[in-house]
Amino acid sequence: MSGLMRRYEIVFGSVQTRKSWISLEQELPNFMQECREYLEQTPEDRLKSNNRLKKLKGRYKGILQYDVTKNDARVWYIVDRENRCVVIKRAGHHPDKY
């Protein structure tokens, strides 16, 4: 089987989240391509994330964070294993940046 086989579908939790994802794709095309490939293939594999995957805690428990760029752009998501999809909850820059 090909290593590029798409195992998970990416879906967006809201219209605004989709717009934010598209904005990041335009701003950081190479980084977002890596992010997309990771989420479509192995969205929960910490080793394959190159230290970009974090499990959020506290009120965000259950949400995973993929660091698109170090200390700035990130994607928050949940994995729906049953339906083989990744639900994007947030895509954007760190709120402390602004």
PDB file of N, CA and C in Angstrom:
ATOM      1  N   MET A   1       0.822  -1.188   0.000  1.00  0.00           N
ATOM      2  CA  MET A   1       0.000   0.000   0.000  1.00  0.00           C
ATOM      3  C   MET A   1       0.866   1.253   0.000  1.00  0.00           C
ATOM      4  N   SER A   2       0.386   2.253  -0.618  1.00  0.00           N
ATOM      5  CA  SER A   2       1.126   3.508  -0.722  1.00  0.00           C
ATOM      6  C   SER A   2       1.142   4.242   0.614  1.00  0.00           C
ATOM      7  N   GLY A   3       2.276   4.861   0.937  1.00  0.00           N
ATOM      8  CA  GLY A   3       2.387   5.664   2.140  1.00  0.00           C
ATOM      9  C   GLY A   3       1.566   6.940   2.049  1.00  0.00           C
ATOM     10  N   LEU A   4       1.111   7.281   0.855  1.00  0.00           N
ATOM     11  CA  LEU A   4       0.313   8.488   0.670  1.00  0.00           C
ATOM     12  C   LEU A   4      -1.185   8.194   0.673  1.00  0.00           C
ATOM     13  N   MET A   5      -1.557   6.952   1.011  1.00  0.00           N
ATOM     14  CA  MET A   5      -2.966   6.601   1.049  1.00  0.00           C
ATOM     15  C   MET A   5      -3.676   7.483   2.078  1.00  0.00           C
ATOM     16  N   ARG A   6      -4.766   8.074   1.690  1.00  0.00           N
ATOM     17  CA  ARG A   6      -5.514   8.944   2.592  1.00  0.00           C
ATOM     18  C   ARG A   6      -6.469   8.102   3.419  1.00  0.00           C
ATOM     19  N   ARG A   7      -6.174   8.037   4.690  1.00  0.00           N
ATOM     20  CA  ARG A   7      -6.969   7.213   5.576  1.00  0.00           C
ATOM     21  C   ARG A   7      -8.030   8.003   6.323  1.00  0.00           C
ATOM     22  N   TYR A   8      -7.814   9.289   6.500  1.00  0.00           N
ATOM     23  CA  TYR A   8      -8.751  10.136   7.235  1.00  0.00           C
ATOM     24  C   TYR A   8      -9.171  11.312   6.364  1.00  0.00           C
ATOM     25  N   GLU A   9     -10.434  11.635   6.450  1.00  0.00           N
ATOM     26  CA  GLU A   9     -10.945  12.814   5.748  1.00  0.00           C
ATOM     27  C   GLU A   9     -10.885  14.002   6.696  1.00  0.00           C
ATOM     28  N   ILE A  10     -10.484  15.143   6.184  1.00  0.00           N
ATOM     29  CA  ILE A  10     -10.464  16.368   6.989  1.00  0.00           C
ATOM     30  C   ILE A  10     -11.795  17.082   6.799  1.00  0.00           C
ATOM     31  N   VAL A  11     -12.442  17.378   7.928  1.00  0.00           N
ATOM     32  CA  VAL A  11     -13.689  18.144   7.910  1.00  0.00           C
ATOM     33  C   VAL A  11     -13.524  19.322   8.875  1.00  0.00           C
ATOM     34  N   PHE A  12     -14.313  20.339   8.678  1.00  0.00           N
ATOM     35  CA  PHE A  12     -14.180  21.557   9.472  1.00  0.00           C
ATOM     36  C   PHE A  12     -15.372  21.728  10.401  1.00  0.00           C
ATOM     37  N   GLY A  13     -15.078  22.138  11.632  1.00  0.00           N
ATOM     38  CA  GLY A  13     -16.111  22.314  12.636  1.00  0.00           C
ATOM     39  C   GLY A  13     -17.000  23.520  12.400  1.00  0.00           C
ATOM     40  N   SER A  14     -16.533  24.466  11.576  1.00  0.00           N
ATOM     41  CA  SER A  14     -17.332  25.656  11.267  1.00  0.00           C
ATOM     42  C   SER A  14     -16.817  26.289   9.973  1.00  0.00           C
ATOM     43  N   VAL A  15     -17.616  27.166   9.432  1.00  0.00           N
ATOM     44  CA  VAL A  15     -17.225  27.905   8.232  1.00  0.00           C
ATOM     45  C   VAL A  15     -16.014  28.777   8.532  1.00  0.00           C
ATOM     46  N   GLN A  16     -15.998  29.413   9.709  1.00  0.00           N
ATOM     47  CA  GLN A  16     -14.873  30.272  10.076  1.00  0.00           C
ATOM     48  C   GLN A  16     -13.584  29.468  10.196  1.00  0.00           C
ATOM     49  N   THR A  17     -13.672  28.263  10.740  1.00  0.00           N
ATOM     50  CA  THR A  17     -12.490  27.413  10.856  1.00  0.00           C
ATOM     51  C   THR A  17     -11.952  27.071   9.472  1.00  0.00           C
ATOM     52  N   ARG A  18     -12.840  26.776   8.543  1.00  0.00           N
ATOM     53  CA  ARG A  18     -12.412  26.483   7.169  1.00  0.00           C
ATOM     54  C   ARG A  18     -11.703  27.690   6.555  1.00  0.00           C
ATOM     55  N   LYS A  19     -12.244  28.873   6.764  1.00  0.00           N
ATOM     56  CA  LYS A  19     -11.625  30.099   6.234  1.00  0.00           C
ATOM     57  C   LYS A  19     -10.245  30.318   6.847  1.00  0.00           C
ATOM     58  N   SER A  20     -10.116  30.061   8.137  1.00  0.00           N
ATOM     59  CA  SER A  20      -8.825  30.211   8.808  1.00  0.00           C
ATOM     60  C   SER A  20      -7.807  29.210   8.271  1.00  0.00           C
ATOM     61  N   TRP A  21      -8.260  27.980   7.998  1.00  0.00           N
ATOM     62  CA  TRP A  21      -7.388  26.947   7.404  1.00  0.00           C
ATOM     63  C   TRP A  21      -6.886  27.416   6.037  1.00  0.00           C
ATOM     64  N   ILE A  22      -7.783  27.903   5.210  1.00  0.00           N
ATOM     65  CA  ILE A  22      -7.428  28.379   3.863  1.00  0.00           C
ATOM     66  C   ILE A  22      -6.434  29.537   3.964  1.00  0.00           C
ATOM     67  N   SER A  23      -6.656  30.429   4.916  1.00  0.00           N
ATOM     68  CA  SER A  23      -5.741  31.546   5.109  1.00  0.00           C
ATOM     69  C   SER A  23      -4.337  31.050   5.460  1.00  0.00           C
ATOM     70  N   LEU A  24      -4.250  30.048   6.349  1.00  0.00           N
ATOM     71  CA  LEU A  24      -2.942  29.476   6.683  1.00  0.00           C
ATOM     72  C   LEU A  24      -2.316  28.784   5.478  1.00  0.00           C
ATOM     73  N   GLU A  25      -3.128  28.120   4.660  1.00  0.00           N
ATOM     74  CA  GLU A  25      -2.597  27.471   3.457  1.00  0.00           C
ATOM     75  C   GLU A  25      -1.974  28.493   2.506  1.00  0.00           C
ATOM     76  N   GLN A  26      -2.589  29.655   2.405  1.00  0.00           N
ATOM     77  CA  GLN A  26      -2.059  30.693   1.533  1.00  0.00           C
ATOM     78  C   GLN A  26      -0.795  31.315   2.109  1.00  0.00           C
ATOM     79  N   GLU A  27      -0.760  31.464   3.420  1.00  0.00           N
ATOM     80  CA  GLU A  27       0.374  32.095   4.094  1.00  0.00           C
ATOM     81  C   GLU A  27       1.567  31.139   4.252  1.00  0.00           C
ATOM     82  N   LEU A  28       1.279  29.874   4.531  1.00  0.00           N
ATOM     83  CA  LEU A  28       2.321  28.889   4.848  1.00  0.00           C
ATOM     84  C   LEU A  28       2.095  27.598   4.053  1.00  0.00           C
ATOM     85  N   PRO A  29       2.163  27.667   2.723  1.00  0.00           N
ATOM     86  CA  PRO A  29       1.772  26.509   1.908  1.00  0.00           C
ATOM     87  C   PRO A  29       2.550  25.225   2.201  1.00  0.00           C
ATOM     88  N   ASN A  30       3.849  25.302   2.369  1.00  0.00           N
ATOM     89  CA  ASN A  30       4.633  24.090   2.607  1.00  0.00           C
ATOM     90  C   ASN A  30       4.329  23.478   3.971  1.00  0.00           C
ATOM     91  N   PHE A  31       4.264  24.315   4.991  1.00  0.00           N
ATOM     92  CA  PHE A  31       3.956  23.827   6.335  1.00  0.00           C
ATOM     93  C   PHE A  31       2.550  23.219   6.393  1.00  0.00           C
ATOM     94  N   MET A  32       1.601  23.866   5.722  1.00  0.00           N
ATOM     95  CA  MET A  32       0.229  23.359   5.744  1.00  0.00           C
ATOM     96  C   MET A  32       0.086  22.076   4.927  1.00  0.00           C
ATOM     97  N   GLN A  33       0.894  21.917   3.886  1.00  0.00           N
ATOM     98  CA  GLN A  33       0.878  20.661   3.139  1.00  0.00           C
ATOM     99  C   GLN A  33       1.349  19.519   4.043  1.00  0.00           C
ATOM    100  N   GLU A  34       2.402  19.764   4.825  1.00  0.00           N
ATOM    101  CA  GLU A  34       2.880  18.764   5.787  1.00  0.00           C
ATOM    102  C   GLU A  34       1.794  18.448   6.814  1.00  0.00           C
ATOM    103  N   CYS A  35       1.125  19.469   7.291  1.00  0.00           N
ATOM    104  CA  CYS A  35       0.054  19.298   8.265  1.00  0.00           C
ATOM    105  C   CYS A  35      -1.067  18.445   7.675  1.00  0.00           C
ATOM    106  N   ARG A  36      -1.508  18.784   6.471  1.00  0.00           N
ATOM    107  CA  ARG A  36      -2.588  18.039   5.814  1.00  0.00           C
ATOM    108  C   ARG A  36      -2.208  16.568   5.660  1.00  0.00           C
ATOM    109  N   GLU A  37      -1.012  16.304   5.184  1.00  0.00           N
ATOM    110  CA  GLU A  37      -0.578  14.919   4.983  1.00  0.00           C
ATOM    111  C   GLU A  37      -0.553  14.161   6.307  1.00  0.00           C
ATOM    112  N   TYR A  38      -0.061  14.796   7.344  1.00  0.00           N
ATOM    113  CA  TYR A  38      -0.027  14.161   8.662  1.00  0.00           C
ATOM    114  C   TYR A  38      -1.447  13.834   9.135  1.00  0.00           C
ATOM    115  N   LEU A  39      -2.350  14.796   9.046  1.00  0.00           N
ATOM    116  CA  LEU A  39      -3.717  14.588   9.521  1.00  0.00           C
ATOM    117  C   LEU A  39      -4.458  13.537   8.705  1.00  0.00           C
ATOM    118  N   GLU A  40      -4.192  13.470   7.425  1.00  0.00           N
ATOM    119  CA  GLU A  40      -4.871  12.487   6.582  1.00  0.00           C
ATOM    120  C   GLU A  40      -4.327  11.072   6.773  1.00  0.00           C
ATOM    121  N   GLN A  41      -3.096  10.963   7.209  1.00  0.00           N
ATOM    122  CA  GLN A  41      -2.465   9.646   7.294  1.00  0.00           C
ATOM    123  C   GLN A  41      -2.350   9.118   8.719  1.00  0.00           C
ATOM    124  N   THR A  42      -1.822   9.904   9.638  1.00  0.00           N
ATOM    125  CA  THR A  42      -1.519   9.419  10.997  1.00  0.00           C
ATOM    126  C   THR A  42      -1.791  10.495  12.044  1.00  0.00           C
ATOM    127  N   PRO A  43      -3.033  10.942  12.194  1.00  0.00           N
ATOM    128  CA  PRO A  43      -3.317  12.113  13.037  1.00  0.00           C
ATOM    129  C   PRO A  43      -3.082  11.945  14.534  1.00  0.00           C
ATOM    130  N   GLU A  44      -2.783  10.727  14.980  1.00  0.00           N
ATOM    131  CA  GLU A  44      -2.551  10.529  16.411  1.00  0.00           C
ATOM    132  C   GLU A  44      -1.165   9.965  16.706  1.00  0.00           C
ATOM    133  N   ASP A  45      -0.322   9.856  15.709  1.00  0.00           N
ATOM    134  CA  ASP A  45       0.991   9.247  15.874  1.00  0.00           C
ATOM    135  C   ASP A  45       2.017  10.301  16.274  1.00  0.00           C
ATOM    136  N   ARG A  46       2.366  10.299  17.550  1.00  0.00           N
ATOM    137  CA  ARG A  46       3.289  11.307  18.089  1.00  0.00           C
ATOM    138  C   ARG A  46       4.659  11.227  17.413  1.00  0.00           C
ATOM    139  N   LEU A  47       5.150  10.023  17.151  1.00  0.00           N
ATOM    140  CA  LEU A  47       6.469   9.871  16.525  1.00  0.00           C
ATOM    141  C   LEU A  47       6.518  10.459  15.121  1.00  0.00           C
ATOM    142  N   LYS A  48       5.462  10.255  14.349  1.00  0.00           N
ATOM    143  CA  LYS A  48       5.441  10.760  12.973  1.00  0.00           C
ATOM    144  C   LYS A  48       5.153  12.250  12.891  1.00  0.00           C
ATOM    145  N   SER A  49       4.812  12.846  14.016  1.00  0.00           N
ATOM    146  CA  SER A  49       4.506  14.283  14.010  1.00  0.00           C
ATOM    147  C   SER A  49       5.751  15.150  14.101  1.00  0.00           C
ATOM    148  N   ASN A  50       6.926  14.546  14.296  1.00  0.00           N
ATOM    149  CA  ASN A  50       8.162  15.320  14.475  1.00  0.00           C
ATOM    150  C   ASN A  50       8.040  16.319  15.618  1.00  0.00           C
ATOM    151  N   ASN A  51       7.504  15.849  16.733  1.00  0.00           N
ATOM    152  CA  ASN A  51       7.325  16.669  17.940  1.00  0.00           C
ATOM    153  C   ASN A  51       6.373  17.844  17.744  1.00  0.00           C
ATOM    154  N   ARG A  52       5.439  17.708  16.826  1.00  0.00           N
ATOM    155  CA  ARG A  52       4.473  18.788  16.591  1.00  0.00           C
ATOM    156  C   ARG A  52       3.115  18.505  17.221  1.00  0.00           C
ATOM    157  N   LEU A  53       2.910  17.281  17.713  1.00  0.00           N
ATOM    158  CA  LEU A  53       1.619  16.893  18.281  1.00  0.00           C
ATOM    159  C   LEU A  53       1.613  17.099  19.788  1.00  0.00           C
ATOM    160  N   LYS A  54       0.534  17.722  20.274  1.00  0.00           N
ATOM    161  CA  LYS A  54       0.339  17.908  21.706  1.00  0.00           C
ATOM    162  C   LYS A  54      -1.104  17.542  22.051  1.00  0.00           C
ATOM    163  N   LYS A  55      -1.266  16.969  23.223  1.00  0.00           N
ATOM    164  CA  LYS A  55      -2.611  16.725  23.753  1.00  0.00           C
ATOM    165  C   LYS A  55      -2.923  17.864  24.698  1.00  0.00           C
ATOM    166  N   LEU A  56      -3.998  18.575  24.416  1.00  0.00           N
ATOM    167  CA  LEU A  56      -4.354  19.704  25.257  1.00  0.00           C
ATOM    168  C   LEU A  56      -4.962  19.223  26.566  1.00  0.00           C
ATOM    169  N   LYS A  57      -4.886  20.058  27.584  1.00  0.00           N
ATOM    170  CA  LYS A  57      -5.351  19.702  28.920  1.00  0.00           C
ATOM    171  C   LYS A  57      -6.402  20.687  29.403  1.00  0.00           C
ATOM    172  N   GLY A  58      -6.900  20.430  30.592  1.00  0.00           N
ATOM    173  CA  GLY A  58      -7.879  21.327  31.192  1.00  0.00           C
ATOM    174  C   GLY A  58      -9.173  21.354  30.419  1.00  0.00           C
ATOM    175  N   ARG A  59      -9.690  22.524  30.200  1.00  0.00           N
ATOM    176  CA  ARG A  59     -10.978  22.638  29.509  1.00  0.00           C
ATOM    177  C   ARG A  59     -10.902  22.206  28.047  1.00  0.00           C
ATOM    178  N   TYR A  60      -9.688  22.057  27.517  1.00  0.00           N
ATOM    179  CA  TYR A  60      -9.512  21.614  26.130  1.00  0.00           C
ATOM    180  C   TYR A  60      -9.133  20.138  26.031  1.00  0.00           C
ATOM    181  N   LYS A  61      -9.263  19.410  27.132  1.00  0.00           N
ATOM    182  CA  LYS A  61      -8.918  17.987  27.150  1.00  0.00           C
ATOM    183  C   LYS A  61      -9.694  17.256  26.047  1.00  0.00           C
ATOM    184  N   GLY A  62      -8.997  16.378  25.342  1.00  0.00           N
ATOM    185  CA  GLY A  62      -9.605  15.636  24.242  1.00  0.00           C
ATOM    186  C   GLY A  62      -9.290  16.239  22.884  1.00  0.00           C
ATOM    187  N   ILE A  63      -8.754  17.455  22.877  1.00  0.00           N
ATOM    188  CA  ILE A  63      -8.383  18.119  21.626  1.00  0.00           C
ATOM    189  C   ILE A  63      -6.883  17.953  21.414  1.00  0.00           C
ATOM    190  N   LEU A  64      -6.511  17.658  20.202  1.00  0.00           N
ATOM    191  CA  LEU A  64      -5.104  17.542  19.832  1.00  0.00           C
ATOM    192  C   LEU A  64      -4.667  18.819  19.136  1.00  0.00           C
ATOM    193  N   GLN A  65      -3.407  19.172  19.328  1.00  0.00           N
ATOM    194  CA  GLN A  65      -2.843  20.351  18.676  1.00  0.00           C
ATOM    195  C   GLN A  65      -1.659  19.937  17.830  1.00  0.00           C
ATOM    196  N   TYR A  66      -1.683  20.349  16.570  1.00  0.00           N
ATOM    197  CA  TYR A  66      -0.551  20.154  15.671  1.00  0.00           C
ATOM    198  C   TYR A  66       0.079  21.524  15.467  1.00  0.00           C
ATOM    199  N   ASP A  67       1.345  21.650  15.821  1.00  0.00           N
ATOM    200  CA  ASP A  67       2.055  22.917  15.645  1.00  0.00           C
ATOM    201  C   ASP A  67       2.540  23.026  14.207  1.00  0.00           C
ATOM    202  N   VAL A  68       1.884  23.864  13.445  1.00  0.00           N
ATOM    203  CA  VAL A  68       2.232  24.063  12.038  1.00  0.00           C
ATOM    204  C   VAL A  68       3.606  24.713  11.947  1.00  0.00           C
ATOM    205  N   THR A  69       3.825  25.732  12.768  1.00  0.00           N
ATOM    206  CA  THR A  69       5.132  26.370  12.883  1.00  0.00           C
ATOM    207  C   THR A  69       5.468  26.443  14.367  1.00  0.00           C
ATOM    208  N   LYS A  70       6.722  26.513  14.670  1.00  0.00           N
ATOM    209  CA  LYS A  70       7.132  26.532  16.073  1.00  0.00           C
ATOM    210  C   LYS A  70       6.634  27.797  16.767  1.00  0.00           C
ATOM    211  N   ASN A  71       5.908  27.607  17.841  1.00  0.00           N
ATOM    212  CA  ASN A  71       5.439  28.693  18.714  1.00  0.00           C
ATOM    213  C   ASN A  71       4.462  29.677  18.070  1.00  0.00           C
ATOM    214  N   ASP A  72       3.832  29.324  16.952  1.00  0.00           N
ATOM    215  CA  ASP A  72       2.897  30.287  16.371  1.00  0.00           C
ATOM    216  C   ASP A  72       1.669  29.613  15.780  1.00  0.00           C
ATOM    217  N   ALA A  73       1.719  29.220  14.522  1.00  0.00           N
ATOM    218  CA  ALA A  73       0.540  28.664  13.857  1.00  0.00           C
ATOM    219  C   ALA A  73       0.273  27.248  14.359  1.00  0.00           C
ATOM    220  N   ARG A  74      -1.023  26.975  14.585  1.00  0.00           N
ATOM    221  CA  ARG A  74      -1.395  25.660  15.065  1.00  0.00           C
ATOM    222  C   ARG A  74      -2.781  25.281  14.597  1.00  0.00           C
ATOM    223  N   VAL A  75      -3.045  23.986  14.645  1.00  0.00           N
ATOM    224  CA  VAL A  75      -4.349  23.444  14.279  1.00  0.00           C
ATOM    225  C   VAL A  75      -4.827  22.600  15.455  1.00  0.00           C
ATOM    226  N   TRP A  76      -6.047  22.854  15.907  1.00  0.00           N
ATOM    227  CA  TRP A  76      -6.673  22.051  16.949  1.00  0.00           C
ATOM    228  C   TRP A  76      -7.673  21.133  16.279  1.00  0.00           C
ATOM    229  N   TYR A  77      -7.698  19.875  16.702  1.00  0.00           N
ATOM    230  CA  TYR A  77      -8.588  18.912  16.060  1.00  0.00           C
ATOM    231  C   TYR A  77      -8.922  17.749  16.981  1.00  0.00           C
ATOM    232  N   ILE A  78      -9.969  17.029  16.606  1.00  0.00           N
ATOM    233  CA  ILE A  78     -10.306  15.769  17.251  1.00  0.00           C
ATOM    234  C   ILE A  78     -10.356  14.704  16.164  1.00  0.00           C
ATOM    235  N   VAL A  79     -10.069  13.482  16.559  1.00  0.00           N
ATOM    236  CA  VAL A  79     -10.080  12.375  15.616  1.00  0.00           C
ATOM    237  C   VAL A  79     -11.330  11.539  15.871  1.00  0.00           C
ATOM    238  N   ASP A  80     -12.126  11.361  14.826  1.00  0.00           N
ATOM    239  CA  ASP A  80     -13.305  10.500  14.876  1.00  0.00           C
ATOM    240  C   ASP A  80     -12.906   9.196  14.198  1.00  0.00           C
ATOM    241  N   ARG A  81     -12.439   8.251  15.004  1.00  0.00           N
ATOM    242  CA  ARG A  81     -11.928   6.987  14.452  1.00  0.00           C
ATOM    243  C   ARG A  81     -13.013   6.197  13.733  1.00  0.00           C
ATOM    244  N   GLU A  82     -14.218   6.207  14.298  1.00  0.00           N
ATOM    245  CA  GLU A  82     -15.315   5.426  13.725  1.00  0.00           C
ATOM    246  C   GLU A  82     -15.636   5.869  12.301  1.00  0.00           C
ATOM    247  N   ASN A  83     -15.642   7.175  12.068  1.00  0.00           N
ATOM    248  CA  ASN A  83     -15.969   7.708  10.740  1.00  0.00           C
ATOM    249  C   ASN A  83     -14.734   8.044   9.917  1.00  0.00           C
ATOM    250  N   ARG A  84     -13.548   7.732  10.468  1.00  0.00           N
ATOM    251  CA  ARG A  84     -12.277   7.953   9.766  1.00  0.00           C
ATOM    252  C   ARG A  84     -12.136   9.393   9.298  1.00  0.00           C
ATOM    253  N   CYS A  85     -12.384  10.321  10.221  1.00  0.00           N
ATOM    254  CA  CYS A  85     -12.219  11.729   9.857  1.00  0.00           C
ATOM    255  C   CYS A  85     -11.550  12.495  10.990  1.00  0.00           C
ATOM    256  N   VAL A  86     -10.960  13.607  10.612  1.00  0.00           N
ATOM    257  CA  VAL A  86     -10.339  14.545  11.537  1.00  0.00           C
ATOM    258  C   VAL A  86     -11.178  15.813  11.482  1.00  0.00           C
ATOM    259  N   VAL A  87     -11.706  16.214  12.624  1.00  0.00           N
ATOM    260  CA  VAL A  87     -12.552  17.405  12.692  1.00  0.00           C
ATOM    261  C   VAL A  87     -11.687  18.567  13.182  1.00  0.00           C
ATOM    262  N   ILE A  88     -11.492  19.542  12.317  1.00  0.00           N
ATOM    263  CA  ILE A  88     -10.684  20.718  12.652  1.00  0.00           C
ATOM    264  C   ILE A  88     -11.542  21.671  13.473  1.00  0.00           C
ATOM    265  N   LYS A  89     -11.076  21.971  14.676  1.00  0.00           N
ATOM    266  CA  LYS A  89     -11.797  22.860  15.583  1.00  0.00           C
ATOM    267  C   LYS A  89     -11.286  24.296  15.512  1.00  0.00           C
ATOM    268  N   ARG A  90      -9.988  24.437  15.242  1.00  0.00           N
ATOM    269  CA  ARG A  90      -9.382  25.770  15.165  1.00  0.00           C
ATOM    270  C   ARG A  90      -8.134  25.687  14.304  1.00  0.00           C
ATOM    271  N   ALA A  91      -7.916  26.702  13.519  1.00  0.00           N
ATOM    272  CA  ALA A  91      -6.694  26.818  12.717  1.00  0.00           C
ATOM    273  C   ALA A  91      -6.289  28.277  12.748  1.00  0.00           C
ATOM    274  N   GLY A  92      -5.066  28.540  13.131  1.00  0.00           N
ATOM    275  CA  GLY A  92      -4.641  29.938  13.165  1.00  0.00           C
ATOM    276  C   GLY A  92      -3.380  30.131  13.965  1.00  0.00           C
ATOM    277  N   HIS A  93      -3.079  31.398  14.180  1.00  0.00           N
ATOM    278  CA  HIS A  93      -1.894  31.778  14.925  1.00  0.00           C
ATOM    279  C   HIS A  93      -2.206  31.762  16.422  1.00  0.00           C
ATOM    280  N   HIS A  94      -1.145  31.658  17.206  1.00  0.00           N
ATOM    281  CA  HIS A  94      -1.282  31.667  18.649  1.00  0.00           C
ATOM    282  C   HIS A  94      -1.945  32.978  19.061  1.00  0.00           C
ATOM    283  N   PRO A  95      -2.928  32.913  19.956  1.00  0.00           N
ATOM    284  CA  PRO A  95      -3.623  34.147  20.341  1.00  0.00           C
ATOM    285  C   PRO A  95      -2.716  35.190  20.985  1.00  0.00           C
ATOM    286  N   ASP A  96      -1.620  34.781  21.593  1.00  0.00           N
ATOM    287  CA  ASP A  96      -0.710  35.740  22.232  1.00  0.00           C
ATOM    288  C   ASP A  96       0.119  36.528  21.220  1.00  0.00           C
ATOM    289  N   LYS A  97       0.075  36.122  19.950  1.00  0.00           N
ATOM    290  CA  LYS A  97       0.868  36.808  18.930  1.00  0.00           C
ATOM    291  C   LYS A  97       0.346  38.232  18.684  1.00  0.00           C
ATOM    292  N   TYR A  98      -0.926  38.426  18.893  1.00  0.00           N
ATOM    293  CA  TYR A  98      -1.515  39.725  18.552  1.00  0.00           C
ATOM    294  C   TYR A  98      -1.818  40.570  19.740  1.00  0.00           C
TER     295      TYR A  98
END
